[in-house]
Each structure stands twice: as structure tokens, then as C-alpha cells.
Amino acid sequence: MIALRLKSSFLSIFLSILAIFFLTTLDSQSMALETNGLPESYTESDTEIHAEKVIKDTYPPDAYEPDDSYGKASSITLNDSMPQKHNFHRQGDEDWIKFYGLQGEIYTFKVTNAGQKCDAVIELYDRDGVTLIKRIDDYKYGHDEMLEKLILNDGVYYVRITNYSSNDYGSGTEYDLYAYRPIAPDLIATITGFITDSVTGAAISGAIVKADNKDTHISLTNGVYLMAEPQGSYTLTFTADGYETHTQTVNVPSGEEVRVDVKLTPSAKGTPAPAVKANGGSGTVTVKQGDKLSISISLASGTMSGTSADWWLVMVSPTGVYSFDLGKVAWVPGVIATYQGGLFDLSLTAVYTTSTLQPGTYTFAFGVDTVMNGQVDSGQLYYDYVTVSVGN
């Protein structure tokens, strides 16, 4: 059975279940590590610079939360005249952003307008989100910080912003964040729009937008992208896992905003095709109480083999919603990612066998989404489901 992709009436049920019961989960070549950070030992002057100004009040989170891991990083617009406004709203809060870096280009990240309780530490991480490339904490509380780095390979990179002391949070920890790539100092205009699936209309998160002047952006969870450009004519290239590449030329008048909405076409052979079977059958399968029931899954990864993804195996039963936990090899209440990792071809494999189900209707859904962040990203979700009716 070819897996349905966001077309079935079951989609609304499946996504509403995930929205209600979702439990948050976390989430090549390496560059040479550079550390421009803290000394290994501290003098009295160091202590004076980094004197802890502890505040213990409650404070509302900024608009980009939750962004406490690289898997939840928000996209940032390069050369935008308007900063991202952040704060450290709770103890241990950290902010992550991501950008698409091009080989041979220098990228700059700057913290400005730091509050009196903000001593920002800027860290740049490689494409795996784990390998530290560079760390900067040159100045004291209330001062600007800037990290600059030449990128050696194309790909998505991550920037982590933390406060020097995790005990400093709440009011007074606000800061503005900018990201730059050197461009001519012309009057900046903007190119913006929505990136959606041409078949379903769903927003596509994580799409890469490249301009021929080497500017880039990563679309947000709602499919929006935004690029700040000088006046001129640009050829934009839009790519996303599982979709055909789209190119479009746009003329950008000086100082104006140009709207370019794009609909990407799913790759006929590239999209993953999950399948789930009950006793080898599809659709609705009927069994009697006490009969053996075997649930099997398979996946054809297409041209997306190796793509990082969340894997989901969910059971909707008369008593609630459960997810199959691969680590425990058992069903657990709520909705969690069964597995996180690269896509691969999986032949039909039995994952659950029982003869103890009580009478009622059970639905088993198996799917993958290609934004590996522990959350259901509908624009990148591929799934199949089977219904089992257990009679007396």
C-alpha cells in the first residue's frame, strides 16, 4: 500500500492527537576548533568582569521560544535591519539560531543592547549541532559581543547564545541579535513569501533559499522566508528534502519589499513511503478477541535515504493514545518520537504481536517527518495507517 501523504481524512485526527498528547523531546567534515572564550583560571579582574548579578524573578519568554536546543533553533535573516529580540527568561535558558552557510563566506553574529544582567556568550556549532567551532565572551555585563567566522563547507550551521552565569535570568537580560554576511552598502530591500507544498498547501519548514549573490535563508515552521538584499535582479533557488528544485528570477527595487510565494512540487520518486500492516492487511482489519494480531511496518526511503527524521508509531485505542518506544520496546502513554535518525529502507518487519486486545477499534499510524526535532512537522510528514476492529 502506497503511503498517503497528507491527503487522507485521517490526517486531521492524527495531527490533533499529536498536538494534544505530544510530549516534548530533544532533539561530515568538522572545522578546526577555535576558542576565543574564557581563560582556564580566573583572576580578581576576571571575577570583576563576570561578577554574578543574580536575579530570581519570573519573566515572560521571548517570541522565539522554545529554542533551547539545536533541534529547535529558529531561522535568522542575514543582514536584516531589524534584530531578533531575545532574553534569558528562566534559569539556564539558552537561545539557538540556525543559518545556511556557504563555503568561503564570512558570517558575523552580533549581540547588542545587552541588559545590565546580560553577559552574552556566543558559540558557533558545526552542521551536526554538536561540534563547537568558535566561542566568544570578550566583554562584561551590558556590553556588545561579536563572533565572526569563515565557513569552510556548505550546510546548516547553529549559533548558541547563553548568559555567562545561568543564575542571571529575567528582567535585565534582554539583548538584540543580528546576523550578517558582507554585502555592498546599498539601500536594503527585502524578498519575502511563503513556501508551501503544491499538492497539499501545507507550509514547508526548513526549505533552503539561495540567491545568486550567495545570500541564503531557511524557511520557518510556517513556511515564511525573508531575505535582505540590495537593489538588483536575483535568481532564487528553493530546495527542500522530498521536493523538486524550483528557481525564480525577481527584480528588487531599492528599499522596497517584494513578495514571492513558492509552491514546491513533491518528488515522485524521492518521497519516503511508509506502510503499516495488521496481519498483513491494509485499510480495516477485523479480528476476534483472543486472536493473534501482528503489526508490521516498512519504509521505502526513496532518494532521501540518510535524511535525518523523526519516526512515529502511534496507537489510538479505546483507552487512550500510545507511542511505541523503541528503547523500551513497549507502548508508552502519549505521543513521542519512536526513533530519531536517518531514513533507510526497511523491509516489512513485525514490531508488535498480541492476542490480548479488548473489544473495540484500534488505529495504528506509522510515519516519518524530515525535520528531526521531536515535533510533528506536517509539511514534511509522510505516513500510513491501518484500523483494527476487535470483536467479541
Protein backbone atom coordinates (compact mmCIF):
# COMPACT_ATOMS: atom_id res chain seq x y z
CA MET A 1 0.00 0.00 0.00
CA ILE A 2 1.47 3.34 -1.06
CA ALA A 3 1.59 5.64 1.97
CA LEU A 4 -0.77 8.57 1.83
CA ARG A 5 0.88 11.99 2.11
CA LEU A 6 -1.34 14.49 3.90
CA LYS A 7 -4.39 13.67 1.79
CA SER A 8 -6.45 11.33 3.96
CA SER A 9 -9.22 12.45 6.26
CA PHE A 10 -7.25 10.68 8.98
CA LEU A 11 -4.67 13.47 8.88
CA SER A 12 -6.77 15.82 10.98
CA ILE A 13 -7.30 13.10 13.59
CA PHE A 14 -3.64 12.13 13.62
CA LEU A 15 -2.33 15.68 13.93
CA SER A 16 -4.88 16.67 16.56
CA ILE A 17 -3.85 13.67 18.63
CA LEU A 18 -0.21 14.63 18.32
CA ALA A 19 -0.99 18.22 19.23
CA ILE A 20 -2.91 17.22 22.34
CA PHE A 21 -0.73 14.41 23.63
CA PHE A 22 2.68 15.44 22.33
CA LEU A 23 5.46 15.13 24.91
CA THR A 24 8.47 17.35 24.17
CA THR A 25 11.70 15.57 23.25
CA LEU A 26 15.07 16.87 22.28
CA ASP A 27 16.00 16.74 19.92
CA SER A 28 30.90 15.39 7.69
CA GLN A 29 33.51 17.17 7.98
CA SER A 30 34.49 19.15 11.01
CA MET A 31 36.10 22.57 11.01
CA ALA A 32 39.15 23.34 13.07
CA LEU A 33 38.10 24.27 16.58
CA GLU A 34 38.77 27.84 17.62
CA THR A 35 38.18 29.04 21.17
CA ASN A 36 38.10 32.73 21.94
CA GLY A 37 36.43 32.34 25.29
CA LEU A 38 37.19 32.23 28.96
CA PRO A 39 40.65 31.58 30.43
CA GLU A 40 41.15 28.34 32.29
CA SER A 41 41.81 30.20 35.54
CA TYR A 42 40.38 33.48 36.79
CA THR A 43 41.98 36.50 38.41
CA GLU A 44 40.23 39.07 40.54
CA SER A 45 39.82 41.22 37.44
CA ASP A 46 38.13 38.34 35.62
CA THR A 47 35.79 37.95 38.54
CA GLU A 48 35.04 41.65 38.46
CA ILE A 49 34.21 41.50 34.75
CA HIS A 50 31.97 38.48 35.22
CA ALA A 51 30.55 39.36 38.61
CA GLU A 52 27.30 37.49 39.04
CA LYS A 53 24.24 39.71 39.32
CA VAL A 54 21.71 37.15 40.42
CA ILE A 55 18.04 37.84 39.88
CA LYS A 56 15.32 35.40 40.76
CA ASP A 57 12.14 36.84 39.30
CA THR A 58 9.77 35.40 36.75
CA TYR A 59 9.83 36.85 33.26
CA PRO A 60 7.93 36.14 30.04
CA PRO A 61 9.83 34.22 27.32
CA ASP A 62 10.80 35.92 24.07
CA ALA A 63 8.96 35.29 20.81
CA TYR A 64 11.41 32.62 19.64
CA GLU A 65 10.90 30.17 22.49
CA PRO A 66 11.15 27.25 22.74
CA ASP A 67 14.63 27.35 21.20
CA ASP A 68 16.75 25.65 23.85
CA SER A 69 18.49 23.11 21.59
CA TYR A 70 19.87 22.97 18.07
CA GLY A 71 16.89 20.83 17.06
CA LYS A 72 14.59 23.73 17.99
CA ALA A 73 16.77 26.52 16.58
CA SER A 74 14.95 29.39 14.89
CA SER A 75 16.00 30.68 11.48
CA ILE A 76 17.59 34.12 11.31
CA THR A 77 17.55 36.56 8.40
CA LEU A 78 21.00 37.64 7.28
CA ASN A 79 21.62 41.40 7.01
CA ASP A 80 18.17 42.20 8.40
CA SER A 81 17.91 45.77 9.70
CA MET A 82 15.60 44.53 12.46
CA PRO A 83 17.18 42.34 15.15
CA GLN A 84 15.81 39.26 16.80
CA LYS A 85 14.90 40.31 20.34
CA HIS A 86 15.73 37.71 22.97
CA ASN A 87 16.04 37.34 26.72
CA PHE A 88 17.01 34.70 29.26
CA HIS A 89 13.58 34.26 30.83
CA ARG A 90 14.40 31.39 33.19
CA GLN A 91 17.42 29.90 34.92
CA GLY A 92 19.66 28.08 32.44
CA ASP A 93 17.81 29.46 29.42
CA GLU A 94 19.70 29.34 26.13
CA ASP A 95 18.81 30.55 22.64
CA TRP A 96 19.69 28.74 19.40
CA ILE A 97 19.50 30.03 15.84
CA LYS A 98 20.39 28.42 12.54
CA PHE A 99 21.52 29.66 9.13
CA TYR A 100 22.64 28.17 5.83
CA GLY A 101 26.35 28.88 5.37
CA LEU A 102 28.18 28.86 2.06
CA GLN A 103 31.77 27.78 1.59
CA GLY A 104 34.23 30.67 1.56
CA GLU A 105 31.83 33.23 3.05
CA ILE A 106 32.38 35.11 6.31
CA TYR A 107 29.43 35.30 8.72
CA THR A 108 29.12 37.65 11.67
CA PHE A 109 26.84 37.34 14.70
CA LYS A 110 26.44 40.32 16.99
CA VAL A 111 24.71 40.82 20.34
CA THR A 112 23.77 44.46 21.02
CA ASN A 113 21.67 46.41 23.50
CA ALA A 114 22.50 43.92 26.22
CA GLY A 115 20.70 44.47 29.51
CA GLN A 116 22.63 45.12 32.72
CA LYS A 117 22.22 41.46 33.74
CA CYS A 118 23.21 40.11 30.29
CA ASP A 119 26.76 38.90 29.59
CA ALA A 120 26.17 37.02 26.35
CA VAL A 121 28.34 34.08 25.33
CA ILE A 122 28.20 33.31 21.58
CA GLU A 123 29.06 29.85 20.28
CA LEU A 124 29.11 28.64 16.67
CA TYR A 125 28.46 24.93 16.06
CA ASP A 126 29.11 22.75 13.03
CA ARG A 127 26.44 21.10 10.91
CA ASP A 128 25.94 18.27 13.40
CA GLY A 129 24.81 20.76 16.05
CA VAL A 130 27.36 19.28 18.48
CA THR A 131 30.88 20.18 17.33
CA LEU A 132 31.94 23.58 18.66
CA ILE A 133 33.71 25.74 16.07
CA LYS A 134 34.22 29.01 17.91
CA ARG A 135 33.30 30.62 21.25
CA ILE A 136 33.30 34.30 22.16
CA ASP A 137 32.84 36.06 25.53
CA ASP A 138 35.15 39.07 25.43
CA TYR A 139 33.27 41.70 27.40
CA LYS A 140 31.42 42.21 30.65
CA TYR A 141 27.74 42.59 31.53
CA GLY A 142 25.75 45.09 29.48
CA HIS A 143 28.22 45.17 26.57
CA ASP A 144 28.09 44.03 22.94
CA GLU A 145 29.61 40.75 21.77
CA MET A 146 30.54 39.72 18.23
CA LEU A 147 31.58 36.42 16.66
CA GLU A 148 32.95 36.28 13.10
CA LYS A 149 33.91 33.15 11.19
CA LEU A 150 34.85 31.98 7.70
CA ILE A 151 32.67 29.00 6.70
CA LEU A 152 34.53 26.12 5.04
CA ASN A 153 31.64 23.94 3.80
CA ASP A 154 28.05 24.49 2.64
CA GLY A 155 25.38 23.48 5.12
CA VAL A 156 23.12 24.41 8.02
CA TYR A 157 25.08 25.79 11.00
CA TYR A 158 23.94 26.65 14.51
CA VAL A 159 24.62 29.50 16.92
CA ARG A 160 24.02 29.17 20.67
CA ILE A 161 23.62 32.21 22.94
CA THR A 162 23.85 31.77 26.72
CA ASN A 163 24.28 34.07 29.70
CA TYR A 164 27.69 33.83 31.38
CA SER A 165 26.01 32.89 34.65
CA SER A 166 22.97 30.63 34.47
CA ASN A 167 21.84 32.27 37.74
CA ASP A 168 21.19 35.54 35.90
CA TYR A 169 17.78 35.46 34.28
CA GLY A 170 14.59 37.50 33.94
CA SER A 171 14.39 41.29 33.80
CA GLY A 172 17.61 42.94 32.63
CA THR A 173 18.78 40.01 30.48
CA GLU A 174 17.35 41.28 27.19
CA TYR A 175 19.52 41.53 24.08
CA ASP A 176 19.28 42.11 20.32
CA LEU A 177 20.78 39.60 17.89
CA TYR A 178 21.95 40.30 14.33
CA ALA A 179 23.50 38.05 11.69
CA TYR A 180 25.48 39.43 8.77
CA ARG A 181 27.14 38.37 5.56
CA PRO A 182 29.18 41.13 3.87
CA ILE A 183 27.26 42.86 1.06
CA ALA A 184 27.52 46.17 -0.73
CA PRO A 185 26.27 49.08 1.40
CA ASP A 186 23.29 49.84 -0.86
CA LEU A 187 19.84 50.63 0.44
CA ILE A 188 18.48 47.27 1.55
CA ALA A 189 15.24 45.84 0.20
CA THR A 190 13.53 42.60 1.25
CA ILE A 191 12.31 39.48 -0.53
CA THR A 192 9.76 37.50 1.41
CA GLY A 193 6.98 34.97 0.92
CA PHE A 194 5.56 31.57 1.81
CA ILE A 195 6.92 28.18 0.72
CA THR A 196 4.20 25.53 0.53
CA ASP A 197 3.51 22.05 -0.82
CA SER A 198 1.91 22.34 -4.28
CA VAL A 199 -0.32 19.32 -3.59
CA THR A 200 -1.48 19.81 -0.02
CA GLY A 201 -0.88 23.52 0.54
CA ALA A 202 0.97 22.70 3.77
CA ALA A 203 3.77 25.02 4.86
CA ILE A 204 7.29 23.66 4.24
CA SER A 205 9.64 24.19 7.16
CA GLY A 206 13.41 24.03 6.70
CA ALA A 207 13.46 24.80 2.97
CA ILE A 208 16.74 26.34 1.78
CA VAL A 209 16.54 29.56 -0.24
CA LYS A 210 19.68 30.65 -2.10
CA ALA A 211 20.22 33.81 -4.11
CA ASP A 212 22.85 34.01 -6.83
CA ASN A 213 24.64 36.70 -4.79
CA LYS A 214 25.34 33.95 -2.20
CA ASP A 215 22.69 35.05 0.30
CA THR A 216 20.69 32.28 1.98
CA HIS A 217 17.75 31.69 4.30
CA ILE A 218 15.96 28.73 5.95
CA SER A 219 12.16 28.83 5.94
CA LEU A 220 10.36 28.99 9.28
CA THR A 221 7.85 26.47 10.63
CA ASN A 222 5.03 28.41 8.92
CA GLY A 223 6.88 28.33 5.59
CA VAL A 224 7.87 32.00 5.67
CA TYR A 225 11.28 33.14 4.43
CA LEU A 226 12.83 36.62 4.45
CA MET A 227 15.97 37.88 2.72
CA ALA A 228 17.51 41.36 2.92
CA GLU A 229 19.11 42.38 -0.38
CA PRO A 230 20.49 45.44 -2.18
CA GLN A 231 18.64 46.67 -5.26
CA GLY A 232 19.02 44.37 -8.27
CA SER A 233 17.89 41.28 -10.11
CA TYR A 234 18.29 37.89 -8.42
CA THR A 235 17.79 34.28 -9.29
CA LEU A 236 16.42 32.45 -6.27
CA THR A 237 16.77 28.68 -5.85
CA PHE A 238 14.38 26.87 -3.50
CA THR A 239 15.21 23.35 -2.28
CA ALA A 240 13.67 21.04 0.32
CA ASP A 241 14.00 17.34 1.05
CA GLY A 242 11.43 15.40 -0.95
CA TYR A 243 10.69 18.22 -3.40
CA GLU A 244 11.77 19.26 -6.88
CA THR A 245 14.14 22.23 -7.01
CA HIS A 246 12.47 25.49 -8.01
CA THR A 247 14.18 28.58 -9.46
CA GLN A 248 12.71 32.03 -9.97
CA THR A 249 14.07 35.42 -11.04
CA VAL A 250 12.97 38.50 -9.14
CA ASN A 251 13.71 42.21 -9.55
CA VAL A 252 14.19 44.07 -6.27
CA PRO A 253 13.62 47.87 -6.30
CA SER A 254 15.71 49.89 -3.87
CA GLY A 255 14.32 49.95 -0.34
CA GLU A 256 11.11 48.05 -1.16
CA GLU A 257 9.63 44.68 -0.21
CA VAL A 258 8.98 42.09 -2.91
CA ARG A 259 6.59 39.20 -2.24
CA VAL A 260 7.49 35.87 -3.86
CA ASP A 261 5.35 32.90 -2.82
CA VAL A 262 6.56 29.49 -3.99
CA LYS A 263 4.83 26.14 -4.31
CA LEU A 264 7.23 23.20 -4.38
CA THR A 265 6.32 20.01 -6.19
CA PRO A 266 6.87 16.72 -4.33
CA SER A 267 9.47 14.47 -5.96
CA ALA A 268 7.60 11.49 -7.37
CA LYS A 269 10.43 9.07 -6.60
CA GLY A 270 12.07 10.94 -3.78
CA THR A 271 9.41 10.99 -1.10
CA PRO A 272 9.51 8.38 1.68
CA ALA A 273 6.74 5.78 1.57
CA PRO A 274 5.88 4.33 5.00
CA ALA A 275 3.45 1.43 5.27
CA VAL A 276 1.82 -0.31 8.22
CA LYS A 277 0.01 -3.67 8.11
CA ALA A 278 -2.21 -5.58 10.52
CA ASN A 279 -1.90 -9.34 9.99
CA GLY A 280 -0.56 -8.44 6.55
CA GLY A 281 -3.65 -6.43 5.65
CA SER A 282 -4.39 -2.75 5.00
CA GLY A 283 -7.38 -0.48 5.46
CA THR A 284 -9.64 -2.07 8.10
CA VAL A 285 -8.76 -5.48 9.51
CA THR A 286 -11.22 -7.42 11.71
CA VAL A 287 -10.15 -9.92 14.36
CA LYS A 288 -11.87 -11.65 17.25
CA GLN A 289 -10.91 -11.18 20.88
CA GLY A 290 -8.12 -13.63 21.67
CA ASP A 291 -6.96 -13.89 18.06
CA LYS A 292 -3.34 -13.15 17.28
CA LEU A 293 -2.68 -9.67 15.92
CA SER A 294 0.64 -8.73 14.32
CA ILE A 295 1.51 -5.12 13.40
CA SER A 296 4.27 -4.74 10.81
CA ILE A 297 5.86 -1.65 9.27
CA SER A 298 8.01 -0.93 6.24
CA LEU A 299 9.66 2.12 4.70
CA ALA A 300 10.91 2.93 1.23
CA SER A 301 13.23 5.91 1.71
CA GLY A 302 13.36 6.79 -2.00
CA THR A 303 16.06 9.32 -2.82
CA MET A 304 16.02 10.62 0.77
CA SER A 305 17.99 7.79 2.32
CA GLY A 306 20.11 9.13 5.17
CA THR A 307 17.96 12.23 5.69
CA SER A 308 17.55 12.99 9.40
CA ALA A 309 13.97 12.36 10.51
CA ASP A 310 11.56 11.76 13.36
CA TRP A 311 9.94 8.31 13.18
CA TRP A 312 6.46 7.89 14.69
CA LEU A 313 4.49 4.75 15.54
CA VAL A 314 1.25 5.66 17.31
CA MET A 315 -1.69 3.57 18.51
CA VAL A 316 -5.10 5.13 19.14
CA SER A 317 -7.03 2.74 21.39
CA PRO A 318 -10.33 2.85 23.31
CA THR A 319 -8.31 3.68 26.45
CA GLY A 320 -6.06 6.40 25.04
CA VAL A 321 -3.14 7.21 22.78
CA TYR A 322 0.18 5.37 22.99
CA SER A 323 3.53 5.54 21.22
CA PHE A 324 5.91 2.69 20.58
CA ASP A 325 9.14 3.40 22.46
CA LEU A 326 11.98 1.72 20.60
CA GLY A 327 14.31 1.92 23.59
CA LYS A 328 11.85 0.16 25.89
CA VAL A 329 10.37 -1.99 23.12
CA ALA A 330 6.96 -1.19 24.58
CA TRP A 331 3.97 1.10 24.18
CA VAL A 332 4.04 4.19 26.40
CA PRO A 333 1.25 6.73 27.03
CA GLY A 334 1.15 9.89 24.91
CA VAL A 335 2.96 10.75 21.72
CA ILE A 336 6.75 10.66 21.48
CA ALA A 337 9.12 10.02 18.61
CA THR A 338 9.70 6.29 18.33
CA TYR A 339 13.13 6.86 16.82
CA GLN A 340 15.26 9.78 15.59
CA GLY A 341 17.82 9.19 12.88
CA GLY A 342 18.49 8.85 9.18
CA LEU A 343 15.94 7.33 6.83
CA PHE A 344 16.71 3.91 5.40
CA ASP A 345 14.86 1.21 3.50
CA LEU A 346 13.08 -1.08 5.94
CA SER A 347 11.51 -4.31 4.72
CA LEU A 348 8.22 -5.37 6.27
CA THR A 349 9.05 -6.02 9.92
CA ALA A 350 6.78 -7.16 12.75
CA VAL A 351 7.04 -4.70 15.64
CA TYR A 352 4.08 -5.70 17.81
CA THR A 353 2.32 -9.04 18.34
CA THR A 354 -0.50 -9.62 20.81
CA SER A 355 -3.64 -11.65 21.46
CA THR A 356 -4.87 -9.67 24.46
CA LEU A 357 -6.58 -6.63 22.94
CA GLN A 358 -10.02 -5.91 24.37
CA PRO A 359 -13.00 -5.44 22.04
CA GLY A 360 -13.04 -2.08 20.29
CA THR A 361 -11.43 -0.11 17.46
CA TYR A 362 -7.68 0.46 17.30
CA THR A 363 -5.80 2.60 14.81
CA PHE A 364 -2.08 2.16 14.18
CA ALA A 365 -0.26 5.01 12.38
CA PHE A 366 3.33 4.87 11.16
CA GLY A 367 5.02 7.97 9.76
CA VAL A 368 8.23 9.93 9.35
CA ASP A 369 8.85 13.66 9.10
CA THR A 370 12.08 15.05 7.75
CA VAL A 371 12.62 17.81 10.31
CA MET A 372 14.28 15.93 13.16
CA ASN A 373 13.24 17.99 16.19
CA GLY A 374 10.94 15.72 18.20
CA GLN A 375 7.92 17.62 16.91
CA VAL A 376 5.39 16.78 14.20
CA ASP A 377 6.11 18.93 11.13
CA SER A 378 3.06 18.49 8.93
CA GLY A 379 4.67 19.96 5.81
CA GLN A 380 7.31 17.21 5.89
CA LEU A 381 5.17 14.36 7.23
CA TYR A 382 4.66 11.07 5.38
CA TYR A 383 2.52 8.37 6.94
CA ASP A 384 0.22 5.38 6.59
CA TYR A 385 -2.31 3.86 8.97
CA VAL A 386 -4.40 0.74 9.47
CA THR A 387 -7.55 0.25 11.55
CA VAL A 388 -8.16 -2.91 13.55
CA SER A 389 -11.64 -3.86 14.77
CA VAL A 390 -11.57 -6.35 17.65
CA GLY A 391 -14.87 -8.14 18.10
CA ASN A 392 -16.26 -10.46 20.77
